[in-house]
């Protein structure tokens, strides 16, 4: 039971840490980020199971994490009011040729980041963009001026 309680606490902690990190950072993992995730995973495992190295302890820990994920997914599906908390909301970061500084600063985006993403979407210049939206999954989408 101790492992299950630890798993719930650590799942909640990791969930909120990933929300704090920001969706843009999580959408494009660099090699250093992957290494960091492995190190964090190892640190969590040590706090999760303490000295328990049994297969049963590992099964309990993984099962609780899986059930917690299914529970969060179910809440997301059944309780629409929780969706902004669980997933976030799309954020407009560029409107009619001008950056929305407050939103860009909050998401730690630069104009160069937007220009690069626009080029990858076959948009030559940010002047051609009516809206740029940072989606819930961390990707930028662009609505060109007509």
N, C-alpha and C. Protein backbone atom coordinates (compact mmCIF):
# COMPACT_ATOMS: atom_id res chain seq x y z
N UNK A 1 0.83 -1.20 0.00
CA UNK A 1 0.00 0.00 0.00
C UNK A 1 0.87 1.25 0.00
N UNK A 2 2.01 1.17 0.67
CA UNK A 2 2.92 2.31 0.71
C UNK A 2 3.39 2.70 -0.68
N UNK A 3 3.69 1.71 -1.50
CA UNK A 3 4.14 1.98 -2.87
C UNK A 3 3.03 2.64 -3.68
N UNK A 4 1.79 2.18 -3.49
CA UNK A 4 0.67 2.78 -4.22
C UNK A 4 0.48 4.25 -3.84
N UNK A 5 0.57 4.58 -2.57
CA UNK A 5 0.43 5.97 -2.14
C UNK A 5 1.57 6.83 -2.68
N UNK A 6 2.78 6.29 -2.63
CA UNK A 6 3.92 7.02 -3.18
C UNK A 6 3.73 7.25 -4.68
N UNK A 7 3.22 6.24 -5.38
CA UNK A 7 3.00 6.38 -6.82
C UNK A 7 2.00 7.48 -7.11
N UNK A 8 0.93 7.56 -6.34
CA UNK A 8 -0.07 8.61 -6.55
C UNK A 8 0.54 9.99 -6.32
N UNK A 9 1.29 10.14 -5.24
CA UNK A 9 1.94 11.43 -4.94
C UNK A 9 2.91 11.81 -6.05
N UNK A 10 3.75 10.88 -6.49
CA UNK A 10 4.74 11.18 -7.51
C UNK A 10 4.10 11.40 -8.88
N UNK A 11 3.03 10.69 -9.20
CA UNK A 11 2.32 10.93 -10.45
C UNK A 11 1.80 12.36 -10.48
N UNK A 12 1.17 12.77 -9.38
CA UNK A 12 0.63 14.13 -9.30
C UNK A 12 1.75 15.15 -9.42
N UNK A 13 2.86 14.91 -8.75
CA UNK A 13 4.00 15.82 -8.82
C UNK A 13 4.53 15.93 -10.25
N UNK A 14 4.74 14.80 -10.91
CA UNK A 14 5.26 14.81 -12.28
C UNK A 14 4.27 15.47 -13.23
N UNK A 15 2.99 15.23 -13.04
CA UNK A 15 1.97 15.85 -13.88
C UNK A 15 2.07 17.38 -13.79
N UNK A 16 2.15 17.90 -12.58
CA UNK A 16 2.20 19.36 -12.43
C UNK A 16 3.55 19.93 -12.88
N UNK A 17 4.61 19.20 -12.72
CA UNK A 17 5.91 19.67 -13.21
C UNK A 17 5.88 19.78 -14.73
N UNK A 18 5.29 18.80 -15.41
CA UNK A 18 5.24 18.87 -16.87
C UNK A 18 4.34 20.01 -17.33
N UNK A 19 3.32 20.33 -16.56
CA UNK A 19 2.47 21.49 -16.91
C UNK A 19 3.24 22.79 -16.71
N UNK A 20 4.09 22.85 -15.68
CA UNK A 20 4.87 24.05 -15.43
C UNK A 20 5.97 24.25 -16.46
N UNK A 21 6.55 23.17 -16.95
CA UNK A 21 7.64 23.26 -17.91
C UNK A 21 7.18 23.99 -19.16
N UNK A 22 5.97 23.73 -19.57
CA UNK A 22 5.44 24.41 -20.75
C UNK A 22 5.31 23.47 -21.92
N UNK A 23 4.27 23.70 -22.69
CA UNK A 23 3.97 22.79 -23.79
C UNK A 23 4.96 22.91 -24.93
N UNK A 24 5.50 24.09 -25.16
CA UNK A 24 6.44 24.27 -26.27
C UNK A 24 7.70 23.44 -26.03
N UNK A 25 8.20 23.45 -24.79
CA UNK A 25 9.41 22.69 -24.48
C UNK A 25 9.17 21.20 -24.61
N UNK A 26 8.00 20.73 -24.20
CA UNK A 26 7.72 19.30 -24.26
C UNK A 26 7.45 18.81 -25.67
N UNK A 27 7.06 19.71 -26.58
CA UNK A 27 6.74 19.27 -27.93
C UNK A 27 7.98 19.00 -28.77
N UNK A 28 9.11 19.54 -28.37
CA UNK A 28 10.33 19.35 -29.17
C UNK A 28 11.48 18.98 -28.25
N UNK A 29 11.57 17.71 -27.95
CA UNK A 29 12.60 17.24 -27.04
C UNK A 29 13.94 17.12 -27.75
N UNK A 30 14.95 17.69 -27.13
CA UNK A 30 16.32 17.59 -27.61
C UNK A 30 16.98 16.40 -26.91
N UNK A 31 18.15 15.95 -27.37
CA UNK A 31 18.82 14.83 -26.70
C UNK A 31 19.07 15.08 -25.21
N UNK A 32 19.44 16.30 -24.86
CA UNK A 32 19.65 16.61 -23.44
C UNK A 32 18.36 16.42 -22.64
N UNK A 33 17.23 16.80 -23.24
CA UNK A 33 15.94 16.66 -22.57
C UNK A 33 15.62 15.20 -22.30
N UNK A 34 15.94 14.34 -23.26
CA UNK A 34 15.67 12.91 -23.09
C UNK A 34 16.54 12.35 -21.96
N UNK A 35 17.79 12.76 -21.92
CA UNK A 35 18.68 12.33 -20.83
C UNK A 35 18.12 12.79 -19.50
N UNK A 36 17.66 14.03 -19.45
CA UNK A 36 17.09 14.57 -18.22
C UNK A 36 15.86 13.77 -17.80
N UNK A 37 15.03 13.38 -18.75
CA UNK A 37 13.86 12.58 -18.42
C UNK A 37 14.25 11.22 -17.84
N UNK A 38 15.30 10.62 -18.39
CA UNK A 38 15.76 9.33 -17.86
C UNK A 38 16.26 9.51 -16.43
N UNK A 39 17.02 10.57 -16.18
CA UNK A 39 17.54 10.82 -14.83
C UNK A 39 16.39 11.08 -13.86
N UNK A 40 15.42 11.88 -14.27
CA UNK A 40 14.26 12.15 -13.42
C UNK A 40 13.49 10.86 -13.16
N UNK A 41 13.34 10.04 -14.19
CA UNK A 41 12.66 8.75 -14.01
C UNK A 41 13.36 7.87 -12.99
N UNK A 42 14.68 7.86 -13.04
CA UNK A 42 15.44 7.07 -12.08
C UNK A 42 15.28 7.63 -10.67
N UNK A 43 15.31 8.95 -10.55
CA UNK A 43 15.15 9.58 -9.23
C UNK A 43 13.75 9.30 -8.67
N UNK A 44 12.76 9.34 -9.52
CA UNK A 44 11.39 9.05 -9.08
C UNK A 44 11.27 7.60 -8.64
N UNK A 45 11.89 6.72 -9.40
CA UNK A 45 11.82 5.29 -9.05
C UNK A 45 12.39 5.06 -7.66
N UNK A 46 13.49 5.72 -7.33
CA UNK A 46 14.09 5.54 -6.02
C UNK A 46 13.18 6.04 -4.91
N UNK A 47 12.52 7.17 -5.15
CA UNK A 47 11.59 7.69 -4.16
C UNK A 47 10.30 6.89 -4.11
N UNK A 48 9.97 6.25 -5.21
CA UNK A 48 8.73 5.51 -5.30
C UNK A 48 8.81 4.18 -4.56
N UNK A 49 9.84 3.42 -4.83
CA UNK A 49 9.91 2.07 -4.27
C UNK A 49 10.84 1.96 -3.07
N UNK A 50 11.57 3.02 -2.73
CA UNK A 50 12.55 3.02 -1.65
C UNK A 50 13.47 1.82 -1.81
N UNK A 51 13.51 0.95 -0.81
CA UNK A 51 14.43 -0.19 -0.87
C UNK A 51 13.79 -1.42 -1.48
N UNK A 52 12.53 -1.32 -1.88
CA UNK A 52 11.82 -2.47 -2.46
C UNK A 52 12.29 -2.68 -3.89
N UNK A 53 12.96 -3.79 -4.12
CA UNK A 53 13.43 -4.09 -5.48
C UNK A 53 12.70 -5.32 -6.04
N UNK A 54 11.56 -5.64 -5.45
CA UNK A 54 10.83 -6.82 -5.89
C UNK A 54 10.06 -6.52 -7.18
N UNK A 55 9.77 -7.58 -7.90
CA UNK A 55 8.97 -7.47 -9.10
C UNK A 55 7.55 -7.00 -8.74
N UNK A 56 7.04 -7.49 -7.62
CA UNK A 56 5.70 -7.08 -7.18
C UNK A 56 5.65 -5.58 -6.93
N UNK A 57 6.67 -5.03 -6.28
CA UNK A 57 6.71 -3.59 -6.03
C UNK A 57 6.72 -2.80 -7.33
N UNK A 58 7.49 -3.26 -8.30
CA UNK A 58 7.54 -2.58 -9.60
C UNK A 58 6.20 -2.66 -10.32
N UNK A 59 5.55 -3.83 -10.25
CA UNK A 59 4.24 -4.00 -10.88
C UNK A 59 3.22 -3.07 -10.23
N UNK A 60 3.25 -2.96 -8.91
CA UNK A 60 2.32 -2.07 -8.22
C UNK A 60 2.56 -0.63 -8.65
N UNK A 61 3.82 -0.21 -8.67
CA UNK A 61 4.14 1.17 -9.03
C UNK A 61 3.70 1.50 -10.45
N UNK A 62 4.03 0.64 -11.40
CA UNK A 62 3.66 0.88 -12.80
C UNK A 62 2.14 0.83 -12.96
N UNK A 63 1.50 -0.08 -12.27
CA UNK A 63 0.04 -0.19 -12.35
C UNK A 63 -0.65 1.07 -11.83
N UNK A 64 -0.15 1.61 -10.72
CA UNK A 64 -0.75 2.83 -10.17
C UNK A 64 -0.55 3.99 -11.13
N UNK A 65 0.64 4.11 -11.73
CA UNK A 65 0.88 5.17 -12.71
C UNK A 65 -0.07 5.00 -13.91
N UNK A 66 -0.23 3.78 -14.38
CA UNK A 66 -1.13 3.53 -15.51
C UNK A 66 -2.57 3.87 -15.15
N UNK A 67 -3.02 3.45 -13.97
CA UNK A 67 -4.38 3.75 -13.53
C UNK A 67 -4.58 5.25 -13.33
N UNK A 68 -3.56 5.92 -12.82
CA UNK A 68 -3.66 7.38 -12.66
C UNK A 68 -3.80 8.05 -14.02
N UNK A 69 -3.05 7.58 -15.00
CA UNK A 69 -3.16 8.15 -16.34
C UNK A 69 -4.53 7.89 -16.95
N UNK A 70 -5.04 6.70 -16.77
CA UNK A 70 -6.39 6.38 -17.26
C UNK A 70 -7.42 7.24 -16.53
N UNK A 71 -7.22 7.44 -15.23
CA UNK A 71 -8.13 8.29 -14.45
C UNK A 71 -8.13 9.73 -14.95
N UNK A 72 -6.95 10.27 -15.21
CA UNK A 72 -6.85 11.63 -15.74
C UNK A 72 -7.51 11.71 -17.12
N UNK A 73 -7.28 10.70 -17.95
CA UNK A 73 -7.89 10.67 -19.27
C UNK A 73 -9.41 10.60 -19.16
N UNK A 74 -9.91 9.81 -18.23
CA UNK A 74 -11.36 9.70 -18.03
C UNK A 74 -11.94 11.03 -17.55
N UNK A 75 -11.26 11.68 -16.60
CA UNK A 75 -11.72 12.99 -16.13
C UNK A 75 -11.73 14.00 -17.27
N UNK A 76 -10.71 13.94 -18.11
CA UNK A 76 -10.64 14.82 -19.27
C UNK A 76 -11.85 14.61 -20.18
N UNK A 77 -12.24 13.37 -20.36
CA UNK A 77 -13.35 13.03 -21.24
C UNK A 77 -14.70 13.40 -20.61
N UNK A 78 -14.88 13.10 -19.33
CA UNK A 78 -16.18 13.25 -18.68
C UNK A 78 -16.45 14.61 -18.05
N UNK A 79 -15.41 15.36 -17.70
CA UNK A 79 -15.59 16.63 -16.98
C UNK A 79 -14.98 17.76 -17.81
N UNK A 80 -15.76 18.37 -18.70
CA UNK A 80 -15.23 19.40 -19.58
C UNK A 80 -14.59 20.58 -18.85
N UNK A 81 -15.06 20.89 -17.67
CA UNK A 81 -14.50 22.02 -16.92
C UNK A 81 -13.05 21.78 -16.48
N UNK A 82 -12.63 20.53 -16.43
CA UNK A 82 -11.26 20.22 -16.04
C UNK A 82 -10.28 20.26 -17.20
N UNK A 83 -10.78 20.27 -18.42
CA UNK A 83 -9.90 20.21 -19.59
C UNK A 83 -8.86 21.32 -19.63
N UNK A 84 -9.22 22.58 -19.34
CA UNK A 84 -8.17 23.61 -19.35
C UNK A 84 -7.07 23.34 -18.32
N UNK A 85 -7.43 22.79 -17.18
CA UNK A 85 -6.43 22.47 -16.17
C UNK A 85 -5.56 21.30 -16.59
N UNK A 86 -6.17 20.29 -17.18
CA UNK A 86 -5.43 19.09 -17.56
C UNK A 86 -4.62 19.26 -18.84
N UNK A 87 -5.18 19.96 -19.83
CA UNK A 87 -4.53 20.08 -21.14
C UNK A 87 -4.05 21.48 -21.47
N UNK A 88 -4.61 22.46 -20.81
CA UNK A 88 -4.34 23.83 -21.20
C UNK A 88 -5.28 24.24 -22.31
N UNK A 89 -5.10 25.44 -22.80
CA UNK A 89 -5.93 25.96 -23.88
C UNK A 89 -5.03 26.53 -24.96
N UNK A 90 -5.52 26.56 -26.20
CA UNK A 90 -4.73 27.21 -27.25
C UNK A 90 -4.52 28.69 -26.90
N UNK A 91 -3.35 29.20 -27.24
CA UNK A 91 -3.01 30.58 -26.91
C UNK A 91 -2.61 31.31 -28.19
N UNK A 92 -3.28 32.42 -28.46
CA UNK A 92 -2.94 33.25 -29.62
C UNK A 92 -1.69 34.05 -29.25
N UNK A 93 -0.63 33.90 -30.06
CA UNK A 93 0.63 34.59 -29.77
C UNK A 93 0.97 35.65 -30.82
N UNK A 94 0.21 35.67 -31.92
CA UNK A 94 0.45 36.64 -32.99
C UNK A 94 -0.89 36.98 -33.61
N UNK A 95 -1.15 38.27 -33.77
CA UNK A 95 -2.43 38.67 -34.33
C UNK A 95 -2.24 39.85 -35.26
N UNK A 96 -2.71 39.70 -36.49
CA UNK A 96 -2.67 40.75 -37.51
C UNK A 96 -1.29 41.41 -37.65
N UNK A 97 -0.27 40.57 -37.79
CA UNK A 97 1.07 41.07 -38.04
C UNK A 97 1.81 41.58 -36.81
N UNK A 98 1.25 41.39 -35.62
CA UNK A 98 1.90 41.89 -34.40
C UNK A 98 1.94 40.79 -33.35
N UNK A 99 3.04 40.73 -32.61
CA UNK A 99 3.11 39.75 -31.53
C UNK A 99 2.24 40.18 -30.35
N UNK A 100 1.70 39.22 -29.65
CA UNK A 100 1.03 39.48 -28.38
C UNK A 100 2.08 39.19 -27.31
N UNK A 101 2.77 40.26 -26.91
CA UNK A 101 3.96 40.14 -26.07
C UNK A 101 3.70 39.36 -24.78
N UNK A 102 2.58 39.63 -24.14
CA UNK A 102 2.27 38.97 -22.87
C UNK A 102 2.22 37.45 -23.04
N UNK A 103 1.54 37.01 -24.08
CA UNK A 103 1.41 35.57 -24.33
C UNK A 103 2.74 34.96 -24.77
N UNK A 104 3.49 35.68 -25.59
CA UNK A 104 4.79 35.16 -26.03
C UNK A 104 5.76 35.05 -24.86
N UNK A 105 5.75 36.03 -23.99
CA UNK A 105 6.64 36.01 -22.82
C UNK A 105 6.25 34.85 -21.89
N UNK A 106 4.95 34.68 -21.68
CA UNK A 106 4.47 33.61 -20.79
C UNK A 106 4.87 32.24 -21.32
N UNK A 107 4.86 32.07 -22.64
CA UNK A 107 5.22 30.78 -23.24
C UNK A 107 6.68 30.71 -23.66
N UNK A 108 7.44 31.74 -23.35
CA UNK A 108 8.88 31.80 -23.65
C UNK A 108 9.16 31.58 -25.14
N UNK A 109 8.40 32.29 -25.97
CA UNK A 109 8.57 32.23 -27.42
C UNK A 109 9.19 33.54 -27.91
N UNK A 110 10.03 33.42 -28.91
CA UNK A 110 10.60 34.61 -29.54
C UNK A 110 10.00 34.77 -30.93
N UNK A 111 10.16 35.95 -31.48
CA UNK A 111 9.70 36.19 -32.85
C UNK A 111 10.43 35.26 -33.81
N UNK A 112 11.70 34.97 -33.53
CA UNK A 112 12.47 34.06 -34.37
C UNK A 112 11.88 32.65 -34.34
N UNK A 113 11.41 32.22 -33.15
CA UNK A 113 10.75 30.90 -33.06
C UNK A 113 9.52 30.86 -33.95
N UNK A 114 8.73 31.93 -33.89
CA UNK A 114 7.52 31.99 -34.72
C UNK A 114 7.87 32.01 -36.20
N UNK A 115 8.88 32.80 -36.56
CA UNK A 115 9.27 32.89 -37.98
C UNK A 115 9.74 31.53 -38.49
N UNK A 116 10.50 30.82 -37.69
CA UNK A 116 10.97 29.49 -38.09
C UNK A 116 9.79 28.53 -38.29
N UNK A 117 8.85 28.53 -37.34
CA UNK A 117 7.69 27.65 -37.46
C UNK A 117 6.83 28.06 -38.66
N UNK A 118 6.74 29.35 -38.93
CA UNK A 118 5.97 29.82 -40.10
C UNK A 118 6.62 29.32 -41.38
N UNK A 119 7.93 29.42 -41.47
CA UNK A 119 8.62 28.92 -42.67
C UNK A 119 8.40 27.43 -42.86
N UNK A 120 8.39 26.69 -41.76
CA UNK A 120 8.14 25.25 -41.84
C UNK A 120 6.71 24.96 -42.29
N UNK A 121 5.84 25.94 -42.13
CA UNK A 121 4.45 25.81 -42.60
C UNK A 121 4.25 26.48 -43.96
N UNK A 122 5.36 26.73 -44.67
CA UNK A 122 5.35 27.34 -45.99
C UNK A 122 4.75 28.76 -45.97
N UNK A 123 5.01 29.50 -44.90
CA UNK A 123 4.63 30.91 -44.82
C UNK A 123 5.92 31.71 -44.81
N UNK A 124 6.09 32.56 -45.81
CA UNK A 124 7.37 33.24 -46.00
C UNK A 124 7.67 34.28 -44.92
N UNK A 125 6.65 34.97 -44.46
CA UNK A 125 6.89 36.07 -43.54
C UNK A 125 5.77 36.14 -42.51
N UNK A 126 6.11 36.58 -41.32
CA UNK A 126 5.08 36.76 -40.29
C UNK A 126 4.10 37.86 -40.64
N UNK A 127 4.48 38.72 -41.57
CA UNK A 127 3.55 39.76 -42.03
C UNK A 127 2.36 39.15 -42.76
N UNK A 128 2.51 37.91 -43.24
CA UNK A 128 1.44 37.22 -43.95
C UNK A 128 0.51 36.45 -43.00
N UNK A 129 0.76 36.57 -41.70
CA UNK A 129 0.02 35.77 -40.72
C UNK A 129 -1.05 36.62 -40.04
N UNK A 130 -2.28 36.14 -40.09
CA UNK A 130 -3.35 36.80 -39.34
C UNK A 130 -3.26 36.39 -37.88
N UNK A 131 -3.20 35.07 -37.62
CA UNK A 131 -3.07 34.56 -36.26
C UNK A 131 -2.05 33.44 -36.23
N UNK A 132 -1.28 33.43 -35.17
CA UNK A 132 -0.43 32.29 -34.83
C UNK A 132 -0.92 31.81 -33.47
N UNK A 133 -1.17 30.51 -33.40
CA UNK A 133 -1.75 29.94 -32.18
C UNK A 133 -0.84 28.82 -31.68
N UNK A 134 -0.48 28.91 -30.40
CA UNK A 134 0.23 27.82 -29.75
C UNK A 134 -0.83 26.84 -29.27
N UNK A 135 -0.87 25.69 -29.92
CA UNK A 135 -1.91 24.71 -29.62
C UNK A 135 -1.62 23.97 -28.33
N UNK A 136 -2.59 23.22 -27.86
CA UNK A 136 -2.45 22.49 -26.59
C UNK A 136 -1.32 21.48 -26.63
N UNK A 137 -1.01 20.96 -27.81
CA UNK A 137 0.05 19.95 -27.93
C UNK A 137 1.44 20.57 -28.07
N UNK A 138 1.52 21.92 -28.06
CA UNK A 138 2.81 22.59 -28.14
C UNK A 138 3.22 23.00 -29.54
N UNK A 139 2.46 22.64 -30.53
CA UNK A 139 2.78 23.02 -31.90
C UNK A 139 2.16 24.37 -32.24
N UNK A 140 2.81 25.06 -33.13
CA UNK A 140 2.29 26.35 -33.60
C UNK A 140 1.49 26.13 -34.87
N UNK A 141 0.32 26.74 -34.92
CA UNK A 141 -0.47 26.71 -36.15
C UNK A 141 -0.68 28.15 -36.60
N UNK A 142 -0.78 28.32 -37.92
CA UNK A 142 -0.85 29.65 -38.50
C UNK A 142 -2.09 29.78 -39.37
N UNK A 143 -2.73 30.92 -39.26
CA UNK A 143 -3.86 31.25 -40.13
C UNK A 143 -3.41 32.45 -40.94
N UNK A 144 -3.18 32.25 -42.24
CA UNK A 144 -2.66 33.34 -43.07
C UNK A 144 -3.72 34.39 -43.35
N UNK A 145 -3.24 35.58 -43.67
CA UNK A 145 -4.15 36.63 -44.13
C UNK A 145 -4.66 36.22 -45.50
N UNK A 146 -5.91 36.57 -45.77
CA UNK A 146 -6.47 36.16 -47.06
C UNK A 146 -6.21 37.18 -48.13
